Amino acid sequence: MEPILSGLAFDGPDFARTPLVVDVSGAPGAGSSTMVAALAARFGVVARPVGQDRGDGPDHDRRLDDPADLLIRVIGAQARACDRAAIRAAEVPVVVVATKADTRPDADRLAANASEDLACPVHPVSALPAAARITSADVDVLRSWAAAGVRVPESAAAFAAAAPDQGSAARLLALLGRAGLVESLAAVSTDPDLDAQALAVRLRQASGLDALVAPIAAASAEIARGRRVRRLSGLRLHAARGFDRVAVERRLAGERVR
């Protein structure tokens, strides 16, 4: 887990290192899958898209089957009825994110309007560049384009067709999006020593993803309560089935006085 979240105890001192389990949901096309990748890459949480098959093969991460601690609800340019319904139905703390902020010049205003509509904070995030895995080869391509004076037009399709290397253009547009590509070209132009890791950090800082730390931290006490309730329920069920009943009841007694 990244240091940015590792100091938060979501289940008391004995469970502080247990990874946070985050469900991510949103209407089709809202950007849930990209948000999953960004959360996992940045925070080291167990992030999973709601409503998609998580698999059951030999490489399946069993943590994906754990109960969710938190729901990230991804909305589009404005809140929809399905967003309101998902937020109302949630049984865990909810953080609402307006992703694809890099594609909307008025992303802050739209997020503020959605926040008023939903009566809760809405955080604009550019998840695509935040999740990007940039290589040294990508930086070399960007640097060559910057040196050649390449500019990204308003139309991403026009850039893909006119770029010096169409294969690299397609890859970088898919990896970064148009705004992320513009930001990257500007970054390598102004810093000749910028490497892939430093560029990834710069893009993430511009993405707004780290602004989610504050609402996650604010929900930590509720997350801890939810984990404790689930743990106590599991112990009671274990005791009722008669497995190691004396030991389990002793554990339950200890839990009640915590």
Protein backbone atom coordinates (compact mmCIF):
# COMPACT_ATOMS: atom_id res chain seq x y z
CA MET A 1 0.00 0.00 0.00
CA GLU A 2 1.28 3.46 -0.84
CA PRO A 3 2.37 5.55 2.20
CA ILE A 4 -0.43 7.99 1.42
CA LEU A 5 -3.00 5.49 2.81
CA SER A 6 -0.86 3.18 4.95
CA GLY A 7 -1.21 5.36 8.04
CA LEU A 8 -4.98 4.90 8.15
CA ALA A 9 -6.21 2.14 10.47
CA PHE A 10 -9.39 0.66 9.04
CA ASP A 11 -9.86 -1.99 11.70
CA GLY A 12 -7.92 -1.07 14.81
CA PRO A 13 -4.23 -1.68 15.52
CA ASP A 14 -4.35 -5.44 14.85
CA PHE A 15 -5.78 -4.97 11.37
CA ALA A 16 -4.24 -1.70 10.22
CA ARG A 17 -2.33 -3.43 7.40
CA THR A 18 -5.36 -5.22 5.96
CA PRO A 19 -5.86 -3.88 2.42
CA LEU A 20 -8.87 -1.72 1.82
CA VAL A 21 -11.46 -3.43 -0.40
CA VAL A 22 -13.08 -0.94 -2.77
CA ASP A 23 -15.99 -1.60 -5.10
CA VAL A 24 -16.18 0.73 -8.09
CA SER A 25 -19.47 1.16 -9.92
CA GLY A 26 -20.85 3.43 -12.60
CA ALA A 27 -23.06 3.53 -15.64
CA PRO A 28 -21.59 1.93 -18.79
CA GLY A 29 -18.95 4.21 -20.30
CA ALA A 30 -18.47 6.28 -17.15
CA GLY A 31 -14.92 5.02 -16.65
CA SER A 32 -15.24 2.48 -13.83
CA SER A 33 -12.58 0.10 -15.16
CA THR A 34 -10.04 2.90 -15.57
CA MET A 35 -10.82 4.07 -12.04
CA VAL A 36 -10.20 0.55 -10.74
CA ALA A 37 -6.75 0.55 -12.35
CA ALA A 38 -5.91 4.01 -10.98
CA LEU A 39 -6.94 3.13 -7.41
CA ALA A 40 -5.01 -0.12 -7.39
CA ALA A 41 -1.89 1.43 -8.92
CA ARG A 42 -1.80 4.46 -6.65
CA PHE A 43 -3.09 3.19 -3.30
CA GLY A 44 -2.47 -0.56 -3.35
CA VAL A 45 -6.10 -1.24 -2.45
CA VAL A 46 -8.12 -4.23 -3.62
CA ALA A 47 -10.24 -2.44 -6.24
CA ARG A 48 -12.86 -4.26 -8.27
CA PRO A 49 -15.53 -3.25 -10.77
CA VAL A 50 -19.08 -4.01 -9.68
CA GLY A 51 -21.07 -6.26 -11.98
CA GLN A 52 -18.11 -7.81 -13.81
CA ASP A 53 -16.90 -11.41 -13.60
CA ARG A 54 -13.90 -11.59 -11.29
CA GLY A 55 -12.93 -15.07 -12.43
CA ASP A 56 -12.33 -18.24 -10.46
CA GLY A 57 -9.17 -19.69 -12.01
CA PRO A 58 -5.96 -20.71 -10.22
CA ASP A 59 -4.64 -17.13 -10.34
CA HIS A 60 -7.82 -15.66 -8.87
CA ASP A 61 -7.05 -13.30 -5.98
CA ARG A 62 -9.31 -14.49 -3.15
CA ARG A 63 -9.28 -11.00 -1.65
CA LEU A 64 -11.57 -10.04 -4.52
CA ASP A 65 -14.27 -12.09 -2.77
CA ASP A 66 -13.99 -10.18 0.52
CA PRO A 67 -16.83 -7.84 1.53
CA ALA A 68 -16.40 -4.27 0.32
CA ASP A 69 -15.26 -1.59 2.75
CA LEU A 70 -16.04 1.35 0.47
CA LEU A 71 -17.89 2.16 -2.73
CA ILE A 72 -16.48 4.54 -5.32
CA ARG A 73 -19.37 5.68 -7.51
CA VAL A 74 -18.19 6.97 -10.87
CA ILE A 75 -20.48 9.43 -12.60
CA GLY A 76 -20.32 11.18 -15.97
CA ALA A 77 -20.78 14.83 -16.76
CA GLN A 78 -23.85 14.89 -14.54
CA ALA A 79 -25.58 12.63 -12.03
CA ARG A 80 -28.20 10.23 -13.37
CA ALA A 81 -31.05 8.33 -11.76
CA CYS A 82 -28.93 5.16 -11.65
CA ASP A 83 -26.24 7.07 -9.73
CA ARG A 84 -28.73 8.28 -7.15
CA ALA A 85 -30.12 4.77 -6.76
CA ALA A 86 -26.66 3.21 -6.33
CA ILE A 87 -25.67 5.77 -3.70
CA ARG A 88 -28.92 5.30 -1.77
CA ALA A 89 -28.60 1.50 -1.85
CA ALA A 90 -24.97 1.37 -0.68
CA GLU A 91 -24.37 -0.36 2.65
CA VAL A 92 -20.83 0.98 2.98
CA PRO A 93 -19.39 4.52 2.84
CA VAL A 94 -19.57 6.09 -0.62
CA VAL A 95 -17.15 8.45 -2.37
CA VAL A 96 -18.47 9.97 -5.61
CA VAL A 97 -16.04 10.66 -8.44
CA ALA A 98 -16.63 12.49 -11.71
CA THR A 99 -14.01 10.84 -13.86
CA LYS A 100 -12.78 11.84 -17.33
CA ALA A 101 -12.21 15.34 -15.94
CA ASP A 102 -9.43 15.83 -18.48
CA THR A 103 -11.97 15.64 -21.32
CA ARG A 104 -14.19 18.39 -19.90
CA PRO A 105 -12.95 22.00 -19.77
CA ASP A 106 -15.64 22.79 -17.19
CA ALA A 107 -15.04 19.69 -15.05
CA ASP A 108 -14.97 21.61 -11.75
CA ARG A 109 -18.28 23.35 -12.48
CA LEU A 110 -19.91 20.08 -13.52
CA ALA A 111 -18.67 18.36 -10.38
CA ALA A 112 -20.03 21.22 -8.25
CA ASN A 113 -23.43 20.94 -9.96
CA ALA A 114 -23.47 17.18 -9.42
CA SER A 115 -22.50 17.68 -5.80
CA GLU A 116 -25.48 19.98 -5.28
CA ASP A 117 -27.75 17.51 -7.05
CA LEU A 118 -26.57 14.51 -5.00
CA ALA A 119 -26.15 16.44 -1.73
CA CYS A 120 -22.65 15.03 -1.26
CA PRO A 121 -19.13 15.93 -2.41
CA VAL A 122 -18.18 15.00 -5.97
CA HIS A 123 -14.49 14.81 -6.84
CA PRO A 124 -13.34 15.45 -10.44
CA VAL A 125 -10.56 13.02 -11.41
CA SER A 126 -8.67 12.26 -14.62
CA ALA A 127 -8.33 8.53 -14.06
CA LEU A 128 -6.75 7.63 -17.41
CA PRO A 129 -3.42 9.50 -16.99
CA ALA A 130 -3.43 8.66 -13.27
CA ALA A 131 -3.33 4.94 -14.09
CA ALA A 132 -0.86 5.19 -16.99
CA ARG A 133 2.14 2.84 -16.97
CA ILE A 134 4.70 4.91 -18.84
CA THR A 135 7.90 3.36 -20.19
CA SER A 136 11.28 4.84 -21.06
CA ALA A 137 10.47 4.19 -24.71
CA ASP A 138 7.32 6.31 -24.36
CA VAL A 139 9.37 9.18 -22.93
CA ASP A 140 11.85 8.88 -25.81
CA VAL A 141 8.99 9.15 -28.33
CA LEU A 142 7.50 12.14 -26.51
CA ARG A 143 10.87 13.85 -26.37
CA SER A 144 11.43 13.35 -30.11
CA TRP A 145 7.99 14.79 -30.85
CA ALA A 146 8.60 17.76 -28.58
CA ALA A 147 11.93 18.45 -30.29
CA ALA A 148 10.21 18.29 -33.68
CA GLY A 149 7.56 20.79 -32.55
CA VAL A 150 4.71 18.29 -32.72
CA ARG A 151 1.45 19.68 -31.34
CA VAL A 152 -1.74 17.80 -30.48
CA PRO A 153 -4.80 19.21 -32.26
CA GLU A 154 -8.20 19.39 -30.61
CA SER A 155 -9.23 16.23 -32.44
CA ALA A 156 -7.46 13.15 -31.11
CA ALA A 157 -8.35 11.33 -34.31
CA ALA A 158 -6.63 14.02 -36.36
CA PHE A 159 -3.48 13.62 -34.27
CA ALA A 160 -3.51 9.85 -34.66
CA ALA A 161 -3.71 10.24 -38.43
CA ALA A 162 -1.06 12.97 -38.75
CA ALA A 163 1.50 11.97 -36.09
CA PRO A 164 5.03 11.07 -37.24
CA ASP A 165 4.62 7.55 -35.83
CA GLN A 166 1.02 6.40 -36.01
CA GLY A 167 1.65 3.28 -33.94
CA SER A 168 3.14 5.30 -31.08
CA ALA A 169 0.41 7.92 -31.45
CA ALA A 170 -2.30 5.30 -31.06
CA ARG A 171 -0.59 3.79 -28.02
CA LEU A 172 0.01 7.10 -26.25
CA LEU A 173 -3.50 8.39 -26.94
CA ALA A 174 -4.96 5.19 -25.50
CA LEU A 175 -2.57 5.37 -22.54
CA LEU A 176 -2.87 9.06 -21.67
CA GLY A 177 -5.83 10.57 -23.49
CA ARG A 178 -5.49 13.83 -25.40
CA ALA A 179 -5.06 16.05 -22.33
CA GLY A 180 -2.53 13.68 -20.78
CA LEU A 181 -0.58 13.66 -24.02
CA VAL A 182 -0.54 17.47 -24.14
CA GLU A 183 0.61 17.57 -20.50
CA SER A 184 3.33 15.01 -21.21
CA LEU A 185 4.69 16.86 -24.24
CA ALA A 186 4.86 20.07 -22.20
CA ALA A 187 6.60 18.25 -19.35
CA VAL A 188 9.36 16.70 -21.46
CA SER A 189 9.84 20.02 -23.26
CA THR A 190 10.54 21.92 -20.06
CA ASP A 191 12.54 19.24 -18.24
CA PRO A 192 15.20 17.46 -20.32
CA ASP A 193 16.03 15.11 -17.42
CA LEU A 194 12.46 13.92 -16.86
CA ASP A 195 12.25 10.11 -16.81
CA ALA A 196 9.26 7.76 -17.03
CA GLN A 197 8.73 7.57 -13.27
CA ALA A 198 8.86 11.32 -12.80
CA LEU A 199 6.45 11.85 -15.69
CA ALA A 200 4.01 9.35 -14.18
CA VAL A 201 4.17 11.23 -10.88
CA ARG A 202 3.54 14.55 -12.61
CA LEU A 203 0.52 13.17 -14.46
CA ARG A 204 -0.89 11.65 -11.30
CA GLN A 205 -0.48 14.91 -9.41
CA ALA A 206 -2.40 16.71 -12.14
CA SER A 207 -5.11 14.04 -12.22
CA GLY A 208 -6.81 14.89 -8.92
CA LEU A 209 -6.61 11.27 -7.74
CA ASP A 210 -4.82 12.12 -4.49
CA ALA A 211 -7.75 14.34 -3.49
CA LEU A 212 -9.60 11.09 -2.71
CA VAL A 213 -7.37 10.48 0.31
CA ALA A 214 -9.30 13.00 2.44
CA PRO A 215 -12.79 11.47 1.95
CA ILE A 216 -11.37 7.95 2.40
CA ALA A 217 -9.72 9.06 5.64
CA ALA A 218 -12.99 10.65 6.76
CA ALA A 219 -14.73 7.30 6.25
CA SER A 220 -12.09 5.27 8.14
CA ALA A 221 -14.03 5.09 11.41
CA GLU A 222 -17.17 3.89 9.62
CA ILE A 223 -15.10 1.38 7.66
CA ALA A 224 -13.60 0.08 10.92
CA ARG A 225 -17.07 -0.32 12.45
CA GLY A 226 -18.27 -2.22 9.41
CA ARG A 227 -15.31 -4.58 9.54
CA ARG A 228 -15.85 -5.23 13.24
CA VAL A 229 -19.56 -5.95 12.75
CA ARG A 230 -18.75 -8.43 9.97
CA ARG A 231 -16.05 -10.07 12.07
CA LEU A 232 -18.37 -10.47 15.07
CA SER A 233 -21.11 -11.89 12.85
CA GLY A 234 -18.65 -14.40 11.43
CA LEU A 235 -17.52 -15.44 14.90
CA ARG A 236 -21.11 -15.89 16.09
CA LEU A 237 -21.88 -18.04 13.07
CA HIS A 238 -18.74 -20.10 13.70
CA ALA A 239 -19.75 -20.60 17.35
CA ALA A 240 -23.31 -21.57 16.39
CA ARG A 241 -21.97 -24.28 14.10
CA GLY A 242 -20.02 -25.74 17.01
CA PHE A 243 -16.50 -25.44 15.58
CA ASP A 244 -13.99 -24.64 18.38
CA ARG A 245 -16.93 -23.19 20.29
CA VAL A 246 -15.05 -22.51 23.53
CA ALA A 247 -12.21 -20.72 21.74
CA VAL A 248 -14.61 -18.73 19.57
CA GLU A 249 -16.75 -17.66 22.54
CA ARG A 250 -13.59 -16.56 24.33
CA ARG A 251 -12.69 -14.50 21.25
CA LEU A 252 -16.20 -13.03 21.18
CA ALA A 253 -15.91 -12.03 24.83
CA GLY A 254 -12.65 -10.29 24.07
CA GLU A 255 -14.15 -8.49 21.08
CA ARG A 256 -17.03 -7.11 23.14
CA VAL A 257 -14.74 -5.29 25.54
CA ARG A 258 -12.61 -3.67 22.80
